[in-house]
N, C-alpha and C. Protein backbone atom coordinates (compact mmCIF):
# COMPACT_ATOMS: atom_id res chain seq x y z
N MET A 1 0.97 -1.22 0.01
CA MET A 1 0.00 -0.01 0.21
C MET A 1 1.01 1.31 -0.03
N ASN A 2 0.59 2.24 -0.95
CA ASN A 2 1.52 3.41 -1.02
C ASN A 2 0.84 4.39 -0.08
N SER A 3 2.01 4.95 0.63
CA SER A 3 1.57 5.93 1.49
C SER A 3 1.40 7.32 0.69
N PRO A 4 0.18 8.04 1.47
CA PRO A 4 -0.28 9.32 0.59
C PRO A 4 1.01 10.51 0.56
N HIS A 5 2.07 10.43 1.38
CA HIS A 5 3.23 11.29 1.28
C HIS A 5 4.43 10.36 1.19
N PRO A 6 4.74 10.34 -0.12
CA PRO A 6 6.03 9.67 -0.41
C PRO A 6 7.39 9.85 0.11
N ALA A 7 8.09 9.11 0.65
CA ALA A 7 9.32 9.34 1.22
C ALA A 7 10.22 10.31 0.43
N SER A 8 10.90 11.30 1.07
CA SER A 8 11.86 12.06 0.45
C SER A 8 12.93 11.33 0.04
N PRO A 9 13.73 11.42 -1.18
CA PRO A 9 14.77 10.91 -1.56
C PRO A 9 15.93 10.97 -0.43
N LEU A 10 16.60 9.94 -0.26
CA LEU A 10 17.78 9.83 0.45
C LEU A 10 19.06 10.49 -0.20
N SER A 11 19.90 11.26 0.80
CA SER A 11 21.19 11.57 0.05
C SER A 11 22.03 10.29 -0.16
N PRO A 12 22.95 10.57 -1.20
CA PRO A 12 23.76 9.39 -1.57
C PRO A 12 24.45 8.69 -0.30
N LEU A 13 24.98 9.63 0.76
CA LEU A 13 25.68 9.13 1.88
C LEU A 13 24.59 8.17 2.76
N ALA A 14 23.38 8.81 3.11
CA ALA A 14 22.42 7.93 3.66
C ALA A 14 22.08 6.48 2.95
N MET A 15 21.83 6.72 1.59
CA MET A 15 21.57 5.51 0.86
C MET A 15 22.95 4.37 1.11
N ALA A 16 24.13 4.84 0.95
CA ALA A 16 25.21 3.97 1.30
C ALA A 16 25.13 3.39 2.80
N ALA A 17 24.89 4.42 3.61
CA ALA A 17 24.97 4.00 4.97
C ALA A 17 23.80 2.74 5.20
N ARG A 18 22.70 3.08 4.83
CA ARG A 18 21.55 2.15 5.06
C ARG A 18 21.99 0.77 4.22
N PHE A 19 22.56 0.83 3.13
CA PHE A 19 22.87 -0.44 2.17
C PHE A 19 23.91 -1.05 2.87
N ILE A 20 24.88 -0.54 3.53
CA ILE A 20 25.85 -1.21 4.16
C ILE A 20 25.32 -1.79 5.57
N ALA A 21 24.51 -1.08 6.14
CA ALA A 21 23.88 -1.77 7.31
C ALA A 21 23.14 -3.08 7.04
N LEU A 22 22.20 -2.89 6.02
CA LEU A 22 21.43 -4.01 5.69
C LEU A 22 22.16 -5.18 5.06
N SER A 23 23.16 -4.79 4.31
CA SER A 23 24.25 -5.58 3.76
C SER A 23 24.79 -6.52 4.69
N GLY A 24 25.28 -5.73 5.88
CA GLY A 24 25.82 -6.42 7.03
C GLY A 24 25.03 -7.39 7.67
N LEU A 25 23.74 -7.31 7.70
CA LEU A 25 22.74 -8.27 8.39
C LEU A 25 22.60 -9.34 7.42
N GLY A 26 22.61 -9.06 6.04
CA GLY A 26 22.59 -10.23 4.95
C GLY A 26 23.93 -10.95 4.94
N TRP A 27 24.92 -10.28 5.22
CA TRP A 27 26.35 -11.16 5.30
C TRP A 27 26.25 -11.87 6.76
N LEU A 28 25.60 -11.50 7.58
CA LEU A 28 25.77 -12.50 8.70
C LEU A 28 24.98 -13.61 8.39
N CYS A 29 23.70 -13.67 7.72
CA CYS A 29 23.02 -14.51 7.31
C CYS A 29 23.75 -15.49 6.31
N ASP A 30 24.60 -14.85 5.39
CA ASP A 30 25.31 -15.60 4.61
C ASP A 30 26.55 -16.40 5.40
N MET A 31 27.13 -15.54 6.20
CA MET A 31 28.48 -16.16 7.07
C MET A 31 28.05 -17.20 8.05
N VAL A 32 26.84 -17.10 8.52
CA VAL A 32 26.45 -18.26 9.44
C VAL A 32 26.05 -19.45 8.67
N THR A 33 25.40 -19.28 7.54
CA THR A 33 25.10 -20.43 6.39
C THR A 33 26.48 -20.94 5.90
N PHE A 34 27.40 -20.24 5.38
CA PHE A 34 28.58 -20.46 5.01
C PHE A 34 29.36 -21.51 5.95
N THR A 35 29.49 -20.98 7.26
CA THR A 35 30.19 -21.71 8.25
C THR A 35 29.65 -22.99 8.48
N VAL A 36 28.44 -23.08 8.62
CA VAL A 36 27.66 -24.48 8.85
C VAL A 36 28.02 -25.28 7.62
N LEU A 37 27.98 -24.93 6.42
CA LEU A 37 28.16 -25.67 5.40
C LEU A 37 29.59 -26.17 5.21
N VAL A 38 30.67 -25.16 5.59
CA VAL A 38 31.82 -25.73 5.62
C VAL A 38 32.44 -26.58 6.81
N ARG A 39 31.99 -25.91 7.88
CA ARG A 39 32.56 -26.57 9.03
C ARG A 39 31.86 -27.78 9.47
N LEU A 40 30.53 -27.85 9.54
CA LEU A 40 29.69 -28.97 9.84
C LEU A 40 29.50 -29.92 8.79
N ALA A 41 29.16 -29.31 7.60
CA ALA A 41 28.75 -30.36 6.36
C ALA A 41 29.99 -30.73 5.40
N GLY A 42 30.97 -29.93 5.73
CA GLY A 42 32.37 -30.29 5.12
C GLY A 42 32.29 -30.06 3.46
N TRP A 43 31.60 -29.03 3.25
CA TRP A 43 31.45 -28.52 1.77
C TRP A 43 32.83 -27.74 1.31
N ASP A 44 33.12 -27.84 0.22
CA ASP A 44 34.24 -26.97 -0.51
C ASP A 44 33.59 -25.57 -0.39
N ALA A 45 34.59 -24.67 0.14
CA ALA A 45 34.42 -23.20 0.32
C ALA A 45 33.85 -22.62 -0.89
N ALA A 46 34.19 -22.88 -2.22
CA ALA A 46 33.52 -22.24 -3.36
C ALA A 46 31.98 -22.53 -3.30
N TYR A 47 31.71 -23.93 -3.44
CA TYR A 47 30.05 -24.36 -3.40
C TYR A 47 29.53 -23.85 -2.18
N ALA A 48 30.18 -23.75 -1.10
CA ALA A 48 29.22 -23.38 -0.09
C ALA A 48 28.88 -21.83 0.07
N ASN A 49 29.86 -21.00 -0.67
CA ASN A 49 29.62 -19.72 -0.92
C ASN A 49 28.37 -19.42 -1.83
N ILE A 50 28.41 -20.31 -2.91
CA ILE A 50 27.24 -20.23 -3.78
C ILE A 50 25.85 -20.27 -3.07
N ALA A 51 25.77 -21.34 -2.09
CA ALA A 51 24.58 -21.61 -1.62
C ALA A 51 24.34 -20.59 -0.46
N SER A 52 25.31 -20.13 0.33
CA SER A 52 25.09 -19.17 1.36
C SER A 52 24.89 -17.76 0.85
N SER A 53 25.22 -17.51 -0.19
CA SER A 53 25.32 -16.20 -0.85
C SER A 53 23.87 -15.88 -1.06
N TYR A 54 23.14 -16.99 -1.61
CA TYR A 54 21.65 -16.50 -1.91
C TYR A 54 20.96 -16.06 -0.79
N ALA A 55 21.12 -16.70 0.30
CA ALA A 55 20.26 -16.23 1.62
C ALA A 55 20.60 -14.77 1.99
N GLY A 56 21.99 -14.66 1.80
CA GLY A 56 22.26 -12.95 2.18
C GLY A 56 21.72 -11.97 1.20
N VAL A 57 21.74 -12.43 -0.11
CA VAL A 57 21.44 -11.46 -1.25
C VAL A 57 19.82 -11.30 -1.28
N THR A 58 19.12 -12.31 -0.91
CA THR A 58 17.87 -12.22 -1.21
C THR A 58 17.25 -11.46 0.23
N PHE A 59 17.81 -11.44 1.25
CA PHE A 59 17.51 -10.65 2.44
C PHE A 59 17.87 -9.10 2.17
N VAL A 60 18.87 -8.87 1.40
CA VAL A 60 19.18 -7.44 1.15
C VAL A 60 18.36 -7.08 0.03
N TRP A 61 18.04 -7.65 -1.04
CA TRP A 61 17.08 -7.24 -2.01
C TRP A 61 15.75 -6.93 -1.39
N PHE A 62 15.03 -7.59 -0.59
CA PHE A 62 13.69 -7.24 0.02
C PHE A 62 13.87 -6.19 0.96
N THR A 63 14.71 -6.01 1.77
CA THR A 63 15.07 -5.30 2.59
C THR A 63 15.48 -3.58 2.26
N SER A 64 16.55 -3.84 1.23
CA SER A 64 16.79 -2.46 0.65
C SER A 64 16.00 -1.79 -0.19
N LEU A 65 15.12 -2.41 -0.94
CA LEU A 65 14.41 -1.86 -1.86
C LEU A 65 13.48 -0.94 -1.58
N LYS A 66 12.83 -0.88 -0.42
CA LYS A 66 11.88 -0.02 0.35
C LYS A 66 12.79 1.00 1.17
N THR A 67 13.68 0.51 1.83
CA THR A 67 14.28 1.52 2.89
C THR A 67 15.79 2.32 2.25
N VAL A 68 16.19 1.67 1.18
CA VAL A 68 17.42 2.39 0.64
C VAL A 68 16.93 3.03 -0.56
N PHE A 69 16.49 2.36 -1.57
CA PHE A 69 15.95 2.66 -2.82
C PHE A 69 14.70 3.46 -3.16
N GLN A 70 13.70 3.25 -1.86
CA GLN A 70 12.48 3.57 -2.07
C GLN A 70 11.85 3.18 -3.25
N ARG A 71 11.86 2.03 -3.54
CA ARG A 71 11.24 1.42 -4.62
C ARG A 71 10.34 0.23 -4.38
N GLY A 72 9.26 0.10 -5.30
CA GLY A 72 8.18 -1.27 -5.07
C GLY A 72 8.33 -1.93 -6.44
N GLY A 73 7.50 -3.17 -6.25
CA GLY A 73 7.51 -3.82 -7.42
C GLY A 73 8.83 -5.00 -7.56
N ALA A 74 9.04 -5.43 -6.33
CA ALA A 74 10.15 -6.28 -6.26
C ALA A 74 10.04 -7.49 -7.20
N GLY A 75 8.91 -8.12 -7.15
CA GLY A 75 8.78 -9.53 -7.67
C GLY A 75 9.04 -9.50 -9.21
N ARG A 76 8.74 -8.65 -9.85
CA ARG A 76 8.83 -8.50 -11.37
C ARG A 76 10.42 -8.52 -11.61
N PHE A 77 11.20 -7.92 -10.70
CA PHE A 77 12.73 -7.64 -11.08
C PHE A 77 13.57 -8.84 -10.25
N LEU A 78 12.92 -9.72 -9.58
CA LEU A 78 13.59 -10.36 -8.71
C LEU A 78 14.48 -11.50 -9.64
N PRO A 79 13.89 -11.97 -10.46
CA PRO A 79 14.46 -12.98 -11.52
C PRO A 79 15.74 -12.50 -12.12
N LEU A 80 15.72 -11.10 -12.53
CA LEU A 80 16.88 -10.44 -12.99
C LEU A 80 17.94 -10.45 -12.21
N TYR A 81 17.57 -9.67 -10.85
CA TYR A 81 18.43 -9.88 -9.69
C TYR A 81 19.06 -10.97 -9.52
N TRP A 82 18.33 -12.17 -9.44
CA TRP A 82 19.01 -13.57 -9.02
C TRP A 82 19.75 -13.94 -10.16
N GLY A 83 19.53 -13.44 -11.36
CA GLY A 83 20.37 -13.95 -12.58
C GLY A 83 21.89 -13.03 -12.34
N PHE A 84 21.59 -11.90 -12.12
CA PHE A 84 22.86 -10.83 -11.94
C PHE A 84 23.79 -11.82 -10.84
N GLN A 85 23.10 -12.13 -9.68
CA GLN A 85 23.71 -12.63 -8.37
C GLN A 85 24.27 -13.87 -8.92
N PHE A 86 23.51 -14.74 -9.61
CA PHE A 86 24.27 -16.04 -10.05
C PHE A 86 25.71 -15.70 -10.60
N LEU A 87 25.65 -15.03 -11.56
CA LEU A 87 26.84 -14.56 -12.06
C LEU A 87 27.91 -14.09 -11.27
N SER A 88 27.49 -13.07 -10.45
CA SER A 88 28.43 -12.44 -9.50
C SER A 88 28.87 -13.47 -8.51
N ILE A 89 28.15 -14.37 -7.94
CA ILE A 89 28.50 -15.26 -7.08
C ILE A 89 29.39 -16.27 -7.46
N LEU A 90 29.16 -16.72 -8.81
CA LEU A 90 30.16 -17.66 -9.49
C LEU A 90 31.55 -16.94 -9.72
N ALA A 91 31.52 -15.73 -9.91
CA ALA A 91 32.71 -15.11 -10.05
C ALA A 91 33.53 -14.91 -8.56
N TYR A 92 32.89 -14.59 -7.55
CA TYR A 92 33.30 -14.21 -6.44
C TYR A 92 33.53 -15.69 -5.69
N SER A 93 32.93 -16.57 -6.03
CA SER A 93 33.23 -18.01 -5.64
C SER A 93 34.41 -18.54 -6.10
N HIS A 94 34.56 -18.23 -7.35
CA HIS A 94 35.98 -18.69 -8.18
C HIS A 94 37.21 -17.71 -7.27
N LEU A 95 36.74 -16.47 -6.97
CA LEU A 95 37.94 -15.58 -6.53
C LEU A 95 38.07 -16.28 -4.98
N LEU A 96 37.00 -16.50 -4.37
CA LEU A 96 37.19 -17.03 -2.91
C LEU A 96 38.05 -18.31 -2.95
N GLY A 97 37.94 -19.20 -4.08
CA GLY A 97 38.85 -20.46 -4.21
C GLY A 97 40.28 -20.16 -4.21
N LEU A 98 40.47 -19.20 -5.14
CA LEU A 98 41.89 -18.64 -5.52
C LEU A 98 42.52 -18.19 -4.11
N VAL A 99 41.69 -17.33 -3.30
CA VAL A 99 42.30 -16.45 -2.11
C VAL A 99 42.56 -17.59 -1.15
N THR A 100 41.59 -18.37 -1.07
CA THR A 100 41.66 -19.34 -0.09
C THR A 100 43.05 -20.33 -0.15
N ALA A 101 43.15 -20.57 -1.42
CA ALA A 101 44.42 -21.67 -1.71
C ALA A 101 45.60 -20.77 -1.52
N ALA A 102 45.62 -19.36 -1.70
CA ALA A 102 46.81 -18.56 -1.67
C ALA A 102 47.21 -18.30 -0.15
N LEU A 103 46.06 -18.59 0.70
CA LEU A 103 46.56 -18.02 2.35
C LEU A 103 47.31 -19.33 2.76
N PRO A 104 48.10 -18.83 3.84
CA PRO A 104 48.71 -19.88 4.52
C PRO A 104 48.03 -20.59 5.58
N PRO A 105 48.06 -21.84 6.20
CA PRO A 105 47.19 -22.18 7.21
C PRO A 105 47.03 -21.07 8.41
N LEU A 106 45.91 -21.36 8.85
CA LEU A 106 45.45 -20.44 9.82
C LEU A 106 44.71 -21.23 10.94
N GLY A 107 45.51 -21.99 11.67
CA GLY A 107 45.13 -22.74 12.82
C GLY A 107 44.98 -24.24 12.42
N GLN A 108 44.26 -24.99 13.33
CA GLN A 108 44.05 -26.38 13.22
C GLN A 108 43.02 -26.73 12.06
N TRP A 109 42.16 -25.91 12.04
CA TRP A 109 40.92 -26.14 11.18
C TRP A 109 41.27 -25.48 9.82
N ASP A 110 41.11 -26.26 8.67
CA ASP A 110 41.40 -25.54 7.49
C ASP A 110 40.63 -24.57 7.17
N GLY A 111 39.39 -24.53 7.64
CA GLY A 111 38.18 -23.61 7.06
C GLY A 111 38.37 -22.23 7.50
N TYR A 112 39.41 -21.97 8.40
CA TYR A 112 39.69 -20.63 8.67
C TYR A 112 40.24 -19.74 7.57
N ARG A 113 40.95 -20.58 6.80
CA ARG A 113 41.50 -19.97 5.63
C ARG A 113 40.19 -19.27 4.64
N ALA A 114 39.34 -20.22 4.44
CA ALA A 114 38.12 -19.87 3.55
C ALA A 114 37.26 -18.48 4.35
N LEU A 115 37.17 -18.76 5.76
CA LEU A 115 36.39 -17.43 6.22
C LEU A 115 37.50 -16.28 6.13
N ALA A 116 38.56 -16.17 6.15
CA ALA A 116 39.46 -15.16 6.07
C ALA A 116 39.24 -14.72 4.54
N ALA A 117 39.31 -15.44 3.49
CA ALA A 117 39.30 -14.99 2.29
C ALA A 117 37.84 -14.79 1.83
N LYS A 118 36.81 -15.23 2.63
CA LYS A 118 35.46 -14.47 2.24
C LYS A 118 35.28 -13.13 2.79
N ILE A 119 35.91 -12.86 4.12
CA ILE A 119 35.94 -11.74 4.72
C ILE A 119 36.68 -10.69 3.49
N SER A 120 37.69 -11.18 2.97
CA SER A 120 38.66 -10.23 2.31
C SER A 120 37.84 -9.90 1.20
N ILE A 121 37.04 -10.65 0.38
CA ILE A 121 36.31 -10.42 -0.77
C ILE A 121 34.93 -9.68 -0.81
N THR A 122 34.71 -9.64 0.49
CA THR A 122 33.17 -9.08 0.91
C THR A 122 33.07 -7.69 0.35
N PRO A 123 34.08 -6.64 0.84
CA PRO A 123 33.80 -5.19 0.29
C PRO A 123 33.56 -4.95 -1.27
N PHE A 124 34.19 -5.86 -1.90
CA PHE A 124 34.19 -5.97 -3.44
C PHE A 124 32.98 -6.35 -3.93
N ASN A 125 32.36 -7.46 -3.16
CA ASN A 125 31.09 -7.85 -3.60
C ASN A 125 30.17 -6.98 -3.05
N LEU A 126 30.00 -6.27 -1.85
CA LEU A 126 29.01 -5.28 -1.47
C LEU A 126 29.08 -4.03 -2.73
N ALA A 127 30.13 -3.59 -3.12
CA ALA A 127 30.09 -2.46 -3.97
C ALA A 127 29.36 -2.90 -5.38
N THR A 128 29.81 -4.07 -5.71
CA THR A 128 29.31 -4.54 -7.08
C THR A 128 27.66 -4.71 -6.85
N ASN A 129 27.30 -5.21 -5.78
CA ASN A 129 25.72 -5.51 -5.54
C ASN A 129 25.15 -4.05 -5.61
N PHE A 130 25.72 -3.15 -4.81
CA PHE A 130 24.96 -1.85 -4.57
C PHE A 130 24.89 -1.15 -5.96
N MET A 131 25.92 -1.24 -6.96
CA MET A 131 25.88 -0.58 -8.07
C MET A 131 24.81 -1.08 -9.13
N PHE A 132 24.69 -2.56 -8.75
CA PHE A 132 23.73 -3.18 -9.85
C PHE A 132 22.21 -2.94 -9.31
N MET A 133 21.97 -2.94 -7.96
CA MET A 133 20.69 -2.61 -7.44
C MET A 133 20.41 -1.05 -7.73
N LYS A 134 21.23 -0.29 -7.65
CA LYS A 134 20.97 1.23 -7.76
C LYS A 134 20.69 1.32 -9.55
N MET A 135 21.20 0.59 -10.35
CA MET A 135 21.14 0.73 -11.71
C MET A 135 19.68 -0.10 -11.89
N LEU A 136 19.41 -1.01 -11.42
CA LEU A 136 18.23 -1.81 -11.69
C LEU A 136 16.80 -1.05 -11.07
N THR A 137 16.95 -0.60 -9.96
CA THR A 137 15.85 0.38 -9.29
C THR A 137 15.52 1.39 -10.10
N ARG A 138 16.37 1.88 -10.98
CA ARG A 138 15.92 3.17 -11.64
C ARG A 138 14.71 2.65 -12.78
N TYR A 139 14.49 1.45 -12.82
CA TYR A 139 13.39 0.99 -13.67
C TYR A 139 12.17 0.53 -13.22
N MET A 140 12.40 0.58 -11.59
CA MET A 140 11.29 0.26 -10.82
C MET A 140 10.32 1.30 -10.35
N ARG A 141 9.15 1.04 -10.06
CA ARG A 141 7.99 2.34 -9.48
C ARG A 141 8.51 2.85 -8.07
N PRO A 142 8.39 4.09 -8.11
CA PRO A 142 8.84 4.63 -6.67
C PRO A 142 7.80 4.23 -5.80
N ARG A 143 8.13 3.98 -4.40
CA ARG A 143 7.38 3.41 -3.26
C ARG A 143 6.29 4.71 -3.05
């Protein structure tokens, strides 16, 4: 339901701050899922990253559309967003595998290398996601 008084546009700094905060929550969903898959289920880090990333990006999609980009009509664009995320996740998962292999052992559990690698690629992934969402939301109806 649309409000009779549409929200005023956010400044670029406010948009970035909100997106980073929501992405942080999505990243926590992602990291918990990733850690469970790698540590408890014994998955390879690259495959675990693919699976866990969808939990995080879907959370970010639904929460940031209205609070960051002030747009509605999420359902129609979700398949396009997931398609972009599929390609992005594949690329970052490949990078994750390369970074993990390049790191020295970090303790008795080899999964610490994968966690360190995932943390190191996160800022780049966040920036890519923000830019794509900003571009995509230009075609969506204002909230």
